[in-house]
């Protein structure tokens, strides 16, 4: 998947999960989506938003 598809997918995921993220205290603007990824377009695990999202995902499994 090329980088643009990944960004678009990330934007869609944020849009779909907006309510759940807000309830969990996570707020992300569409303009901040790029910061969620590294230069190689993988998840930026140094991002506190990515860390919170990963924690929520693990807790929901």
N, C-alpha and C. Protein backbone atom coordinates (compact mmCIF):
# COMPACT_ATOMS: atom_id res chain seq x y z
N UNK A 1 0.85 -1.17 0.00
CA UNK A 1 0.00 0.00 0.00
C UNK A 1 0.90 1.23 0.00
N UNK A 2 0.64 2.16 -0.90
CA UNK A 2 1.49 3.35 -0.96
C UNK A 2 1.14 4.33 0.16
N UNK A 3 1.98 5.32 0.35
CA UNK A 3 1.84 6.23 1.50
C UNK A 3 0.53 7.00 1.47
N UNK A 4 0.06 7.41 0.31
CA UNK A 4 -1.17 8.18 0.24
C UNK A 4 -2.36 7.32 0.67
N UNK A 5 -2.37 6.07 0.25
CA UNK A 5 -3.44 5.17 0.68
C UNK A 5 -3.41 4.98 2.19
N UNK A 6 -2.22 4.90 2.75
CA UNK A 6 -2.10 4.75 4.21
C UNK A 6 -2.62 5.98 4.94
N UNK A 7 -2.28 7.15 4.43
CA UNK A 7 -2.77 8.39 5.06
C UNK A 7 -4.29 8.46 4.96
N UNK A 8 -4.83 8.15 3.79
CA UNK A 8 -6.28 8.17 3.61
C UNK A 8 -6.96 7.15 4.52
N UNK A 9 -6.37 5.98 4.65
CA UNK A 9 -6.91 4.96 5.54
C UNK A 9 -6.86 5.44 7.00
N UNK A 10 -5.75 6.08 7.37
CA UNK A 10 -5.64 6.63 8.72
C UNK A 10 -6.68 7.69 8.99
N UNK A 11 -6.93 8.55 8.01
CA UNK A 11 -7.95 9.58 8.17
C UNK A 11 -9.33 8.96 8.32
N UNK A 12 -9.61 7.94 7.54
CA UNK A 12 -10.90 7.27 7.62
C UNK A 12 -11.06 6.60 8.99
N UNK A 13 -10.01 5.94 9.45
CA UNK A 13 -10.07 5.28 10.75
C UNK A 13 -10.32 6.29 11.86
N UNK A 14 -9.67 7.45 11.78
CA UNK A 14 -9.90 8.47 12.79
C UNK A 14 -11.33 9.00 12.74
N UNK A 15 -11.84 9.15 11.55
CA UNK A 15 -13.21 9.64 11.39
C UNK A 15 -14.21 8.64 11.99
N UNK A 16 -14.01 7.37 11.69
CA UNK A 16 -14.91 6.33 12.19
C UNK A 16 -14.83 6.22 13.72
N UNK A 17 -13.62 6.32 14.27
CA UNK A 17 -13.42 6.13 15.70
C UNK A 17 -13.50 7.41 16.51
N UNK A 18 -13.96 8.49 15.91
CA UNK A 18 -13.96 9.79 16.57
C UNK A 18 -14.61 9.74 17.95
N UNK A 19 -15.77 9.14 18.05
CA UNK A 19 -16.48 9.10 19.33
C UNK A 19 -15.70 8.31 20.38
N UNK A 20 -15.19 7.14 19.98
CA UNK A 20 -14.46 6.30 20.94
C UNK A 20 -13.18 6.99 21.40
N UNK A 21 -12.48 7.63 20.47
CA UNK A 21 -11.25 8.34 20.84
C UNK A 21 -11.56 9.50 21.78
N UNK A 22 -12.63 10.23 21.49
CA UNK A 22 -13.00 11.36 22.33
C UNK A 22 -13.36 10.89 23.73
N UNK A 23 -14.12 9.80 23.82
CA UNK A 23 -14.49 9.24 25.13
C UNK A 23 -13.25 8.80 25.91
N UNK A 24 -12.21 8.40 25.19
CA UNK A 24 -10.98 7.95 25.84
C UNK A 24 -10.02 9.10 26.12
N UNK A 25 -10.42 10.32 25.77
CA UNK A 25 -9.57 11.48 26.02
C UNK A 25 -8.51 11.70 24.97
N UNK A 26 -8.71 11.18 23.77
CA UNK A 26 -7.75 11.35 22.68
C UNK A 26 -8.39 12.23 21.62
N UNK A 27 -7.75 13.33 21.30
CA UNK A 27 -8.26 14.23 20.26
C UNK A 27 -7.20 14.38 19.18
N UNK A 28 -7.59 14.10 17.95
CA UNK A 28 -6.67 14.20 16.81
C UNK A 28 -7.37 14.94 15.69
N UNK A 29 -6.72 15.99 15.19
CA UNK A 29 -7.26 16.71 14.04
C UNK A 29 -6.77 16.05 12.76
N UNK A 30 -7.56 16.19 11.70
CA UNK A 30 -7.15 15.64 10.41
C UNK A 30 -5.77 16.15 10.01
N UNK A 31 -5.48 17.41 10.35
CA UNK A 31 -4.19 18.00 9.97
C UNK A 31 -3.02 17.37 10.73
N UNK A 32 -3.30 16.64 11.82
CA UNK A 32 -2.24 16.03 12.62
C UNK A 32 -1.97 14.57 12.25
N UNK A 33 -2.71 14.04 11.28
CA UNK A 33 -2.58 12.64 10.93
C UNK A 33 -1.16 12.29 10.50
N UNK A 34 -0.50 13.17 9.78
CA UNK A 34 0.86 12.89 9.30
C UNK A 34 1.80 12.57 10.45
N UNK A 35 1.63 13.22 11.60
CA UNK A 35 2.50 12.99 12.74
C UNK A 35 2.35 11.59 13.33
N UNK A 36 1.30 10.88 12.95
CA UNK A 36 1.09 9.53 13.46
C UNK A 36 1.97 8.50 12.76
N UNK A 37 2.63 8.94 11.68
CA UNK A 37 3.45 8.04 10.87
C UNK A 37 4.89 8.53 10.80
N UNK A 38 5.81 7.60 10.57
CA UNK A 38 7.22 7.94 10.38
C UNK A 38 7.45 8.31 8.92
N UNK A 39 8.67 8.67 8.59
CA UNK A 39 9.03 8.97 7.21
C UNK A 39 8.86 7.77 6.30
N UNK A 40 8.93 6.56 6.85
CA UNK A 40 8.72 5.34 6.07
C UNK A 40 7.26 4.94 6.03
N UNK A 41 6.39 5.79 6.56
CA UNK A 41 4.95 5.58 6.61
C UNK A 41 4.54 4.36 7.43
N UNK A 42 5.28 4.10 8.49
CA UNK A 42 4.85 3.13 9.49
C UNK A 42 4.36 3.91 10.70
N UNK A 43 3.67 3.26 11.60
CA UNK A 43 3.19 3.97 12.78
C UNK A 43 4.35 4.55 13.57
N UNK A 44 4.17 5.77 14.02
CA UNK A 44 5.17 6.46 14.82
C UNK A 44 4.90 6.12 16.29
N UNK A 45 5.57 5.10 16.79
CA UNK A 45 5.35 4.64 18.16
C UNK A 45 5.83 5.63 19.21
N UNK A 46 6.58 6.65 18.81
CA UNK A 46 7.00 7.70 19.74
C UNK A 46 5.86 8.70 19.99
N UNK A 47 4.86 8.69 19.13
CA UNK A 47 3.72 9.60 19.27
C UNK A 47 2.86 9.16 20.45
N UNK A 48 2.55 10.09 21.34
CA UNK A 48 1.69 9.76 22.48
C UNK A 48 0.29 9.36 22.03
N UNK A 49 -0.17 9.93 20.93
CA UNK A 49 -1.48 9.56 20.40
C UNK A 49 -1.47 8.11 19.94
N UNK A 50 -0.43 7.71 19.22
CA UNK A 50 -0.31 6.31 18.77
C UNK A 50 -0.22 5.39 19.99
N UNK A 51 0.53 5.78 21.00
CA UNK A 51 0.65 4.97 22.20
C UNK A 51 -0.70 4.78 22.88
N UNK A 52 -1.48 5.87 22.97
CA UNK A 52 -2.82 5.77 23.58
C UNK A 52 -3.74 4.88 22.76
N UNK A 53 -3.67 5.03 21.43
CA UNK A 53 -4.50 4.20 20.56
C UNK A 53 -4.13 2.73 20.70
N UNK A 54 -2.84 2.44 20.73
CA UNK A 54 -2.39 1.06 20.87
C UNK A 54 -2.86 0.47 22.20
N UNK A 55 -2.79 1.27 23.26
CA UNK A 55 -3.24 0.81 24.57
C UNK A 55 -4.73 0.50 24.54
N UNK A 56 -5.52 1.38 23.93
CA UNK A 56 -6.96 1.13 23.82
C UNK A 56 -7.24 -0.14 23.04
N UNK A 57 -6.51 -0.33 21.94
CA UNK A 57 -6.72 -1.54 21.13
C UNK A 57 -6.39 -2.79 21.92
N UNK A 58 -5.27 -2.77 22.64
CA UNK A 58 -4.87 -3.94 23.42
C UNK A 58 -5.88 -4.24 24.52
N UNK A 59 -6.39 -3.18 25.16
CA UNK A 59 -7.36 -3.36 26.24
C UNK A 59 -8.69 -3.91 25.72
N UNK A 60 -9.03 -3.61 24.48
CA UNK A 60 -10.31 -4.05 23.95
C UNK A 60 -10.27 -5.48 23.41
N UNK A 61 -9.07 -6.06 23.32
CA UNK A 61 -8.96 -7.44 22.80
C UNK A 61 -9.29 -8.46 23.86
